[in-house]
């Protein structure tokens, strides 16, 4: 069965999506950078509970930041893959594919 008539790629739309993914990753980075001071907790007192609560919240912030960094890297990887394949589709359409 021939499926070639079912594949429809619009390079311009793929480029738009690629730009949106890159902007999303950039926006997440900017927000986390801008809010880093607000997300860092100083203990409200010297007692053990205050110290432990601040430490736990800072550990959560650190963990979230690492997870966010991995997520941003994955978004950028998807954007790079889309861009690469989109460029190959454009080259194929123009008859210059290798």
PDB file of N, CA and C in Angstrom:
ATOM      1  N   UNK A   1       0.845  -1.180   0.000  1.00  0.00           N
ATOM      2  CA  UNK A   1       0.000   0.000   0.000  1.00  0.00           C
ATOM      3  C   UNK A   1       0.886   1.238   0.000  1.00  0.00           C
ATOM      4  N   UNK A   2       0.564   2.170  -0.835  1.00  0.00           N
ATOM      5  CA  UNK A   2       1.347   3.392  -0.990  1.00  0.00           C
ATOM      6  C   UNK A   2       0.835   4.465  -0.025  1.00  0.00           C
ATOM      7  N   UNK A   3       1.685   4.877   0.902  1.00  0.00           N
ATOM      8  CA  UNK A   3       1.316   5.903   1.883  1.00  0.00           C
ATOM      9  C   UNK A   3       1.888   7.265   1.547  1.00  0.00           C
ATOM     10  N   UNK A   4       2.596   7.376   0.445  1.00  0.00           N
ATOM     11  CA  UNK A   4       3.277   8.627   0.134  1.00  0.00           C
ATOM     12  C   UNK A   4       2.317   9.793  -0.042  1.00  0.00           C
ATOM     13  N   UNK A   5       1.067   9.517  -0.445  1.00  0.00           N
ATOM     14  CA  UNK A   5       0.125  10.614  -0.620  1.00  0.00           C
ATOM     15  C   UNK A   5      -0.458  11.086   0.708  1.00  0.00           C
ATOM     16  N   UNK A   6      -0.108  10.437   1.815  1.00  0.00           N
ATOM     17  CA  UNK A   6      -0.641  10.806   3.122  1.00  0.00           C
ATOM     18  C   UNK A   6       0.325  11.671   3.930  1.00  0.00           C
ATOM     19  N   UNK A   7       1.548  11.735   3.518  1.00  0.00           N
ATOM     20  CA  UNK A   7       2.530  12.530   4.241  1.00  0.00           C
ATOM     21  C   UNK A   7       2.472  13.960   3.730  1.00  0.00           C
ATOM     22  N   UNK A   8       2.200  14.857   4.649  1.00  0.00           N
ATOM     23  CA  UNK A   8       2.113  16.260   4.272  1.00  0.00           C
ATOM     24  C   UNK A   8       2.888  17.086   5.297  1.00  0.00           C
ATOM     25  N   UNK A   9       3.983  17.645   4.853  1.00  0.00           N
ATOM     26  CA  UNK A   9       4.799  18.465   5.739  1.00  0.00           C
ATOM     27  C   UNK A   9       4.856  19.862   5.143  1.00  0.00           C
ATOM     28  N   UNK A  10       4.530  20.813   5.963  1.00  0.00           N
ATOM     29  CA  UNK A  10       4.609  22.210   5.544  1.00  0.00           C
ATOM     30  C   UNK A  10       5.821  22.819   6.238  1.00  0.00           C
ATOM     31  N   UNK A  11       6.926  22.947   5.522  1.00  0.00           N
ATOM     32  CA  UNK A  11       8.165  23.420   6.139  1.00  0.00           C
ATOM     33  C   UNK A  11       8.016  24.724   6.919  1.00  0.00           C
ATOM     34  N   UNK A  12       7.209  25.638   6.425  1.00  0.00           N
ATOM     35  CA  UNK A  12       7.018  26.905   7.141  1.00  0.00           C
ATOM     36  C   UNK A  12       6.397  26.704   8.505  1.00  0.00           C
ATOM     37  N   UNK A  13       5.414  25.807   8.587  1.00  0.00           N
ATOM     38  CA  UNK A  13       4.770  25.528   9.873  1.00  0.00           C
ATOM     39  C   UNK A  13       5.717  24.799  10.813  1.00  0.00           C
ATOM     40  N   UNK A  14       6.522  23.893  10.256  1.00  0.00           N
ATOM     41  CA  UNK A  14       7.506  23.194  11.082  1.00  0.00           C
ATOM     42  C   UNK A  14       8.514  24.187  11.643  1.00  0.00           C
ATOM     43  N   UNK A  15       8.914  25.157  10.833  1.00  0.00           N
ATOM     44  CA  UNK A  15       9.843  26.191  11.309  1.00  0.00           C
ATOM     45  C   UNK A  15       9.211  27.024  12.422  1.00  0.00           C
ATOM     46  N   UNK A  16       7.915  27.327  12.270  1.00  0.00           N
ATOM     47  CA  UNK A  16       7.207  28.077  13.314  1.00  0.00           C
ATOM     48  C   UNK A  16       7.171  27.290  14.621  1.00  0.00           C
ATOM     49  N   UNK A  17       6.858  26.004  14.526  1.00  0.00           N
ATOM     50  CA  UNK A  17       6.814  25.155  15.722  1.00  0.00           C
ATOM     51  C   UNK A  17       8.194  25.079  16.352  1.00  0.00           C
ATOM     52  N   UNK A  18       9.207  24.948  15.518  1.00  0.00           N
ATOM     53  CA  UNK A  18      10.579  24.900  16.014  1.00  0.00           C
ATOM     54  C   UNK A  18      10.923  26.170  16.786  1.00  0.00           C
ATOM     55  N   UNK A  19      10.543  27.313  16.248  1.00  0.00           N
ATOM     56  CA  UNK A  19      10.790  28.590  16.924  1.00  0.00           C
ATOM     57  C   UNK A  19      10.028  28.665  18.244  1.00  0.00           C
ATOM     58  N   UNK A  20       8.801  28.181  18.250  1.00  0.00           N
ATOM     59  CA  UNK A  20       7.993  28.197  19.475  1.00  0.00           C
ATOM     60  C   UNK A  20       8.597  27.294  20.546  1.00  0.00           C
ATOM     61  N   UNK A  21       9.110  26.135  20.153  1.00  0.00           N
ATOM     62  CA  UNK A  21       9.748  25.245  21.130  1.00  0.00           C
ATOM     63  C   UNK A  21      10.999  25.885  21.724  1.00  0.00           C
ATOM     64  N   UNK A  22      11.799  26.491  20.872  1.00  0.00           N
ATOM     65  CA  UNK A  22      13.009  27.158  21.352  1.00  0.00           C
ATOM     66  C   UNK A  22      12.653  28.301  22.290  1.00  0.00           C
ATOM     67  N   UNK A  23      11.637  29.074  21.935  1.00  0.00           N
ATOM     68  CA  UNK A  23      11.198  30.189  22.788  1.00  0.00           C
ATOM     69  C   UNK A  23      10.658  29.673  24.115  1.00  0.00           C
ATOM     70  N   UNK A  24       9.951  28.551  24.096  1.00  0.00           N
ATOM     71  CA  UNK A  24       9.441  27.961  25.340  1.00  0.00           C
ATOM     72  C   UNK A  24      10.594  27.603  26.276  1.00  0.00           C
ATOM     73  N   UNK A  25      11.607  26.940  25.748  1.00  0.00           N
ATOM     74  CA  UNK A  25      12.771  26.577  26.565  1.00  0.00           C
ATOM     75  C   UNK A  25      13.468  27.826  27.098  1.00  0.00           C
ATOM     76  N   UNK A  26      13.589  28.844  26.259  1.00  0.00           N
ATOM     77  CA  UNK A  26      14.215  30.099  26.695  1.00  0.00           C
ATOM     78  C   UNK A  26      13.392  30.776  27.791  1.00  0.00           C
ATOM     79  N   UNK A  27      12.073  30.770  27.631  1.00  0.00           N
ATOM     80  CA  UNK A  27      11.194  31.401  28.619  1.00  0.00           C
ATOM     81  C   UNK A  27      11.270  30.702  29.970  1.00  0.00           C
ATOM     82  N   UNK A  28      11.281  29.374  29.948  1.00  0.00           N
ATOM     83  CA  UNK A  28      11.402  28.621  31.200  1.00  0.00           C
ATOM     84  C   UNK A  28      12.712  28.990  31.894  1.00  0.00           C
ATOM     85  N   UNK A  29      13.785  29.057  31.135  1.00  0.00           N
ATOM     86  CA  UNK A  29      15.089  29.409  31.711  1.00  0.00           C
ATOM     87  C   UNK A  29      15.057  30.808  32.314  1.00  0.00           C
ATOM     88  N   UNK A  30      14.477  31.765  31.577  1.00  0.00           N
ATOM     89  CA  UNK A  30      14.421  33.148  32.070  1.00  0.00           C
ATOM     90  C   UNK A  30      13.602  33.245  33.358  1.00  0.00           C
ATOM     91  N   UNK A  31      12.474  32.563  33.409  1.00  0.00           N
ATOM     92  CA  UNK A  31      11.626  32.615  34.606  1.00  0.00           C
ATOM     93  C   UNK A  31      12.352  32.012  35.793  1.00  0.00           C
ATOM     94  N   UNK A  32      12.963  30.861  35.607  1.00  0.00           N
ATOM     95  CA  UNK A  32      13.677  30.233  36.726  1.00  0.00           C
ATOM     96  C   UNK A  32      14.859  31.086  37.185  1.00  0.00           C
ATOM     97  N   UNK A  33      15.560  31.682  36.246  1.00  0.00           N
ATOM     98  CA  UNK A  33      16.670  32.561  36.623  1.00  0.00           C
ATOM     99  C   UNK A  33      16.165  33.791  37.378  1.00  0.00           C
ATOM    100  N   UNK A  34      15.071  34.370  36.880  1.00  0.00           N
ATOM    101  CA  UNK A  34      14.524  35.577  37.506  1.00  0.00           C
ATOM    102  C   UNK A  34      13.963  35.298  38.898  1.00  0.00           C
ATOM    103  N   UNK A  35      13.421  34.120  39.096  1.00  0.00           N
ATOM    104  CA  UNK A  35      12.776  33.782  40.372  1.00  0.00           C
ATOM    105  C   UNK A  35      13.683  33.015  41.333  1.00  0.00           C
ATOM    106  N   UNK A  36      14.925  32.791  40.954  1.00  0.00           N
ATOM    107  CA  UNK A  36      15.829  31.997  41.793  1.00  0.00           C
ATOM    108  C   UNK A  36      15.931  32.549  43.215  1.00  0.00           C
ATOM    109  N   UNK A  37      16.054  33.849  43.345  1.00  0.00           N
ATOM    110  CA  UNK A  37      16.156  34.436  44.689  1.00  0.00           C
ATOM    111  C   UNK A  37      14.855  34.253  45.479  1.00  0.00           C
ATOM    112  N   UNK A  38      13.719  34.356  44.796  1.00  0.00           N
ATOM    113  CA  UNK A  38      12.437  34.170  45.479  1.00  0.00           C
ATOM    114  C   UNK A  38      12.197  32.717  45.873  1.00  0.00           C
ATOM    115  N   UNK A  39      12.844  31.799  45.175  1.00  0.00           N
ATOM    116  CA  UNK A  39      12.646  30.378  45.446  1.00  0.00           C
ATOM    117  C   UNK A  39      13.690  29.822  46.410  1.00  0.00           C
ATOM    118  N   UNK A  40      14.617  30.646  46.813  1.00  0.00           N
ATOM    119  CA  UNK A  40      15.620  30.241  47.791  1.00  0.00           C
ATOM    120  C   UNK A  40      15.140  30.683  49.169  1.00  0.00           C
ATOM    121  N   UNK A  41      15.092  29.729  50.085  1.00  0.00           N
ATOM    122  CA  UNK A  41      14.526  29.989  51.413  1.00  0.00           C
ATOM    123  C   UNK A  41      15.637  30.137  52.446  1.00  0.00           C
ATOM    124  N   UNK A  42      15.566  31.220  53.189  1.00  0.00           N
ATOM    125  CA  UNK A  42      16.449  31.398  54.340  1.00  0.00           C
ATOM    126  C   UNK A  42      15.669  30.977  55.580  1.00  0.00           C
ATOM    127  N   UNK A  43      16.335  30.308  56.496  1.00  0.00           N
ATOM    128  CA  UNK A  43      15.625  29.909  57.721  1.00  0.00           C
ATOM    129  C   UNK A  43      15.100  31.132  58.474  1.00  0.00           C
ATOM    130  N   UNK A  44      13.908  31.009  59.013  1.00  0.00           N
ATOM    131  CA  UNK A  44      13.308  32.144  59.713  1.00  0.00           C
ATOM    132  C   UNK A  44      13.868  32.303  61.128  1.00  0.00           C
ATOM    133  N   UNK A  45      14.518  31.272  61.619  1.00  0.00           N
ATOM    134  CA  UNK A  45      15.125  31.318  62.958  1.00  0.00           C
ATOM    135  C   UNK A  45      16.280  30.327  63.007  1.00  0.00           C
ATOM    136  N   UNK A  46      16.912  30.228  64.175  1.00  0.00           N
ATOM    137  CA  UNK A  46      18.053  29.330  64.312  1.00  0.00           C
ATOM    138  C   UNK A  46      17.662  27.960  64.858  1.00  0.00           C
ATOM    139  N   UNK A  47      16.379  27.778  65.134  1.00  0.00           N
ATOM    140  CA  UNK A  47      15.964  26.482  65.691  1.00  0.00           C
ATOM    141  C   UNK A  47      16.023  25.389  64.609  1.00  0.00           C
ATOM    142  N   UNK A  48      16.020  24.157  65.081  1.00  0.00           N
ATOM    143  CA  UNK A  48      16.189  23.011  64.184  1.00  0.00           C
ATOM    144  C   UNK A  48      15.065  22.901  63.152  1.00  0.00           C
ATOM    145  N   UNK A  49      13.848  23.171  63.557  1.00  0.00           N
ATOM    146  CA  UNK A  49      12.714  23.064  62.634  1.00  0.00           C
ATOM    147  C   UNK A  49      12.852  24.080  61.496  1.00  0.00           C
ATOM    148  N   UNK A  50      13.148  25.312  61.823  1.00  0.00           N
ATOM    149  CA  UNK A  50      13.315  26.340  60.798  1.00  0.00           C
ATOM    150  C   UNK A  50      14.451  25.986  59.845  1.00  0.00           C
ATOM    151  N   UNK A  51      15.534  25.494  60.431  1.00  0.00           N
ATOM    152  CA  UNK A  51      16.682  25.102  59.605  1.00  0.00           C
ATOM    153  C   UNK A  51      16.312  23.943  58.670  1.00  0.00           C
ATOM    154  N   UNK A  52      15.606  22.964  59.208  1.00  0.00           N
ATOM    155  CA  UNK A  52      15.230  21.786  58.422  1.00  0.00           C
ATOM    156  C   UNK A  52      14.239  22.152  57.321  1.00  0.00           C
ATOM    157  N   UNK A  53      13.270  22.983  57.635  1.00  0.00           N
ATOM    158  CA  UNK A  53      12.282  23.404  56.634  1.00  0.00           C
ATOM    159  C   UNK A  53      12.973  24.151  55.497  1.00  0.00           C
ATOM    160  N   UNK A  54      13.834  25.088  55.825  1.00  0.00           N
ATOM    161  CA  UNK A  54      14.553  25.841  54.798  1.00  0.00           C
ATOM    162  C   UNK A  54      15.412  24.915  53.948  1.00  0.00           C
ATOM    163  N   UNK A  55      16.087  23.999  54.592  1.00  0.00           N
ATOM    164  CA  UNK A  55      16.932  23.050  53.865  1.00  0.00           C
ATOM    165  C   UNK A  55      16.104  22.181  52.921  1.00  0.00           C
ATOM    166  N   UNK A  56      14.976  21.693  53.405  1.00  0.00           N
ATOM    167  CA  UNK A  56      14.107  20.853  52.573  1.00  0.00           C
ATOM    168  C   UNK A  56      13.575  21.635  51.375  1.00  0.00           C
ATOM    169  N   UNK A  57      13.103  22.851  51.607  1.00  0.00           N
ATOM    170  CA  UNK A  57      12.588  23.662  50.508  1.00  0.00           C
ATOM    171  C   UNK A  57      13.683  23.993  49.493  1.00  0.00           C
ATOM    172  N   UNK A  58      14.875  24.256  49.960  1.00  0.00           N
ATOM    173  CA  UNK A  58      15.990  24.525  49.044  1.00  0.00           C
ATOM    174  C   UNK A  58      16.373  23.266  48.260  1.00  0.00           C
ATOM    175  N   UNK A  59      16.293  22.108  48.915  1.00  0.00           N
ATOM    176  CA  UNK A  59      16.547  20.847  48.208  1.00  0.00           C
ATOM    177  C   UNK A  59      15.508  20.616  47.112  1.00  0.00           C
ATOM    178  N   UNK A  60      14.254  20.925  47.414  1.00  0.00           N
ATOM    179  CA  UNK A  60      13.191  20.795  46.410  1.00  0.00           C
ATOM    180  C   UNK A  60      13.447  21.750  45.249  1.00  0.00           C
ATOM    181  N   UNK A  61      13.837  22.973  45.578  1.00  0.00           N
ATOM    182  CA  UNK A  61      14.148  23.953  44.519  1.00  0.00           C
ATOM    183  C   UNK A  61      15.288  23.458  43.641  1.00  0.00           C
ATOM    184  N   UNK A  62      16.329  22.926  44.251  1.00  0.00           N
ATOM    185  CA  UNK A  62      17.476  22.400  43.504  1.00  0.00           C
ATOM    186  C   UNK A  62      17.046  21.240  42.606  1.00  0.00           C
ATOM    187  N   UNK A  63      16.255  20.340  43.160  1.00  0.00           N
ATOM    188  CA  UNK A  63      15.771  19.192  42.395  1.00  0.00           C
ATOM    189  C   UNK A  63      14.892  19.641  41.223  1.00  0.00           C
ATOM    190  N   UNK A  64      14.010  20.596  41.478  1.00  0.00           N
ATOM    191  CA  UNK A  64      13.140  21.115  40.422  1.00  0.00           C
ATOM    192  C   UNK A  64      13.957  21.782  39.330  1.00  0.00           C
ATOM    193  N   UNK A  65      14.972  22.529  39.718  1.00  0.00           N
ATOM    194  CA  UNK A  65      15.830  23.207  38.741  1.00  0.00           C
ATOM    195  C   UNK A  65      16.544  22.190  37.856  1.00  0.00           C
ATOM    196  N   UNK A  66      17.054  21.115  38.464  1.00  0.00           N
ATOM    197  CA  UNK A  66      17.722  20.071  37.675  1.00  0.00           C
ATOM    198  C   UNK A  66      16.750  19.409  36.713  1.00  0.00           C
ATOM    199  N   UNK A  67      15.534  19.101  37.183  1.00  0.00           N
ATOM    200  CA  UNK A  67      14.518  18.496  36.316  1.00  0.00           C
ATOM    201  C   UNK A  67      14.131  19.453  35.196  1.00  0.00           C
ATOM    202  N   UNK A  68      14.009  20.720  35.528  1.00  0.00           N
ATOM    203  CA  UNK A  68      13.677  21.727  34.526  1.00  0.00           C
ATOM    204  C   UNK A  68      14.783  21.838  33.479  1.00  0.00           C
ATOM    205  N   UNK A  69      16.023  21.792  33.918  1.00  0.00           N
ATOM    206  CA  UNK A  69      17.153  21.849  32.990  1.00  0.00           C
ATOM    207  C   UNK A  69      17.117  20.659  32.025  1.00  0.00           C
ATOM    208  N   UNK A  70      16.810  19.470  32.556  1.00  0.00           N
ATOM    209  CA  UNK A  70      16.698  18.290  31.690  1.00  0.00           C
ATOM    210  C   UNK A  70      15.547  18.457  30.703  1.00  0.00           C
ATOM    211  N   UNK A  71      14.425  18.997  31.177  1.00  0.00           N
ATOM    212  CA  UNK A  71      13.285  19.233  30.304  1.00  0.00           C
ATOM    213  C   UNK A  71      13.605  20.225  29.202  1.00  0.00           C
ATOM    214  N   UNK A  72      14.299  21.288  29.565  1.00  0.00           N
ATOM    215  CA  UNK A  72      14.701  22.285  28.565  1.00  0.00           C
ATOM    216  C   UNK A  72      15.632  21.658  27.524  1.00  0.00           C
ATOM    217  N   UNK A  73      16.549  20.826  27.987  1.00  0.00           N
ATOM    218  CA  UNK A  73      17.476  20.157  27.062  1.00  0.00           C
ATOM    219  C   UNK A  73      16.696  19.254  26.107  1.00  0.00           C
ATOM    220  N   UNK A  74      15.689  18.567  26.607  1.00  0.00           N
ATOM    221  CA  UNK A  74      14.886  17.708  25.741  1.00  0.00           C
ATOM    222  C   UNK A  74      14.086  18.527  24.732  1.00  0.00           C
ATOM    223  N   UNK A  75      13.535  19.643  25.171  1.00  0.00           N
ATOM    224  CA  UNK A  75      12.800  20.517  24.248  1.00  0.00           C
ATOM    225  C   UNK A  75      13.744  21.012  23.151  1.00  0.00           C
ATOM    226  N   UNK A  76      14.943  21.407  23.537  1.00  0.00           N
ATOM    227  CA  UNK A  76      15.916  21.888  22.548  1.00  0.00           C
ATOM    228  C   UNK A  76      16.339  20.758  21.601  1.00  0.00           C
ATOM    229  N   UNK A  77      16.441  19.542  22.130  1.00  0.00           N
ATOM    230  CA  UNK A  77      16.789  18.396  21.295  1.00  0.00           C
ATOM    231  C   UNK A  77      15.689  18.125  20.263  1.00  0.00           C
ATOM    232  N   UNK A  78      14.438  18.200  20.696  1.00  0.00           N
ATOM    233  CA  UNK A  78      13.319  18.027  19.768  1.00  0.00           C
ATOM    234  C   UNK A  78      13.350  19.114  18.703  1.00  0.00           C
ATOM    235  N   UNK A  79      13.603  20.351  19.114  1.00  0.00           N
ATOM    236  CA  UNK A  79      13.667  21.460  18.162  1.00  0.00           C
ATOM    237  C   UNK A  79      14.789  21.247  17.154  1.00  0.00           C
ATOM    238  N   UNK A  80      15.933  20.768  17.610  1.00  0.00           N
ATOM    239  CA  UNK A  80      17.061  20.506  16.709  1.00  0.00           C
ATOM    240  C   UNK A  80      16.708  19.396  15.726  1.00  0.00           C
ATOM    241  N   UNK A  81      16.074  18.348  16.216  1.00  0.00           N
ATOM    242  CA  UNK A  81      15.674  17.238  15.351  1.00  0.00           C
ATOM    243  C   UNK A  81      14.665  17.713  14.307  1.00  0.00           C
ATOM    244  N   UNK A  82      13.684  18.491  14.747  1.00  0.00           N
ATOM    245  CA  UNK A  82      12.703  19.037  13.804  1.00  0.00           C
ATOM    246  C   UNK A  82      13.380  19.887  12.735  1.00  0.00           C
ATOM    247  N   UNK A  83      14.288  20.741  13.174  1.00  0.00           N
ATOM    248  CA  UNK A  83      14.981  21.626  12.242  1.00  0.00           C
ATOM    249  C   UNK A  83      15.785  20.807  11.223  1.00  0.00           C
ATOM    250  N   UNK A  84      16.475  19.776  11.697  1.00  0.00           N
ATOM    251  CA  UNK A  84      17.279  18.931  10.810  1.00  0.00           C
ATOM    252  C   UNK A  84      16.405  18.236   9.771  1.00  0.00           C
ATOM    253  N   UNK A  85      15.316  17.630  10.240  1.00  0.00           N
ATOM    254  CA  UNK A  85      14.437  16.924   9.310  1.00  0.00           C
ATOM    255  C   UNK A  85      13.715  17.887   8.382  1.00  0.00           C
ATOM    256  N   UNK A  86      13.355  19.034   8.895  1.00  0.00           N
ATOM    257  CA  UNK A  86      12.704  20.037   8.052  1.00  0.00           C
ATOM    258  C   UNK A  86      13.651  20.488   6.938  1.00  0.00           C
ATOM    259  N   UNK A  87      14.915  20.693   7.290  1.00  0.00           N
ATOM    260  CA  UNK A  87      15.904  21.087   6.272  1.00  0.00           C
ATOM    261  C   UNK A  87      16.053  20.007   5.218  1.00  0.00           C
ATOM    262  N   UNK A  88      15.979  18.737   5.646  1.00  0.00           N
ATOM    263  CA  UNK A  88      16.097  17.619   4.688  1.00  0.00           C
ATOM    264  C   UNK A  88      14.861  17.559   3.786  1.00  0.00           C
ATOM    265  N   UNK A  89      13.696  17.841   4.332  1.00  0.00           N
ATOM    266  CA  UNK A  89      12.477  17.858   3.525  1.00  0.00           C
ATOM    267  C   UNK A  89      12.546  18.972   2.491  1.00  0.00           C
ATOM    268  N   UNK A  90      12.997  20.140   2.916  1.00  0.00           N
ATOM    269  CA  UNK A  90      13.139  21.264   1.993  1.00  0.00           C
ATOM    270  C   UNK A  90      14.131  20.910   0.882  1.00  0.00           C
ATOM    271  N   UNK A  91      15.261  20.312   1.271  1.00  0.00           N
ATOM    272  CA  UNK A  91      16.267  19.921   0.277  1.00  0.00           C
ATOM    273  C   UNK A  91      15.698  18.887  -0.687  1.00  0.00           C
ATOM    274  N   UNK A  92      14.917  17.938  -0.200  1.00  0.00           N
ATOM    275  CA  UNK A  92      14.308  16.921  -1.054  1.00  0.00           C
ATOM    276  C   UNK A  92      13.320  17.561  -2.015  1.00  0.00           C
ATOM    277  N   UNK A  93      12.530  18.504  -1.510  1.00  0.00           N
ATOM    278  CA  UNK A  93      11.562  19.192  -2.369  1.00  0.00           C
ATOM    279  C   UNK A  93      12.245  20.007  -3.460  1.00  0.00           C
ATOM    280  N   UNK A  94      13.422  20.531  -3.134  1.00  0.00           N
ATOM    281  CA  UNK A  94      14.152  21.339  -4.101  1.00  0.00           C
ATOM    282  C   UNK A  94      15.024  20.481  -5.021  1.00  0.00           C
ATOM    283  N   UNK A  95      15.039  19.186  -4.748  1.00  0.00           N
ATOM    284  CA  UNK A  95      15.809  18.268  -5.595  1.00  0.00           C
ATOM    285  C   UNK A  95      17.284  18.263  -5.303  1.00  0.00           C
ATOM    286  N   UNK A  96      17.676  18.794  -4.137  1.00  0.00           N
ATOM    287  CA  UNK A  96      19.110  18.837  -3.815  1.00  0.00           C
ATOM    288  C   UNK A  96      19.467  17.892  -2.677  1.00  0.00           C
ATOM    289  N   UNK A  97      18.580  16.934  -2.384  1.00  0.00           N
ATOM    290  CA  UNK A  97      18.849  15.988  -1.289  1.00  0.00           C
ATOM    291  C   UNK A  97      19.960  15.037  -1.693  1.00  0.00           C
ATOM    292  N   UNK A  98      20.751  14.655  -0.713  1.00  0.00           N
ATOM    293  CA  UNK A  98      21.864  13.745  -0.952  1.00  0.00           C
ATOM    294  C   UNK A  98      21.424  12.348  -0.657  1.00  0.00           C
TER     295      UNK A  98
END
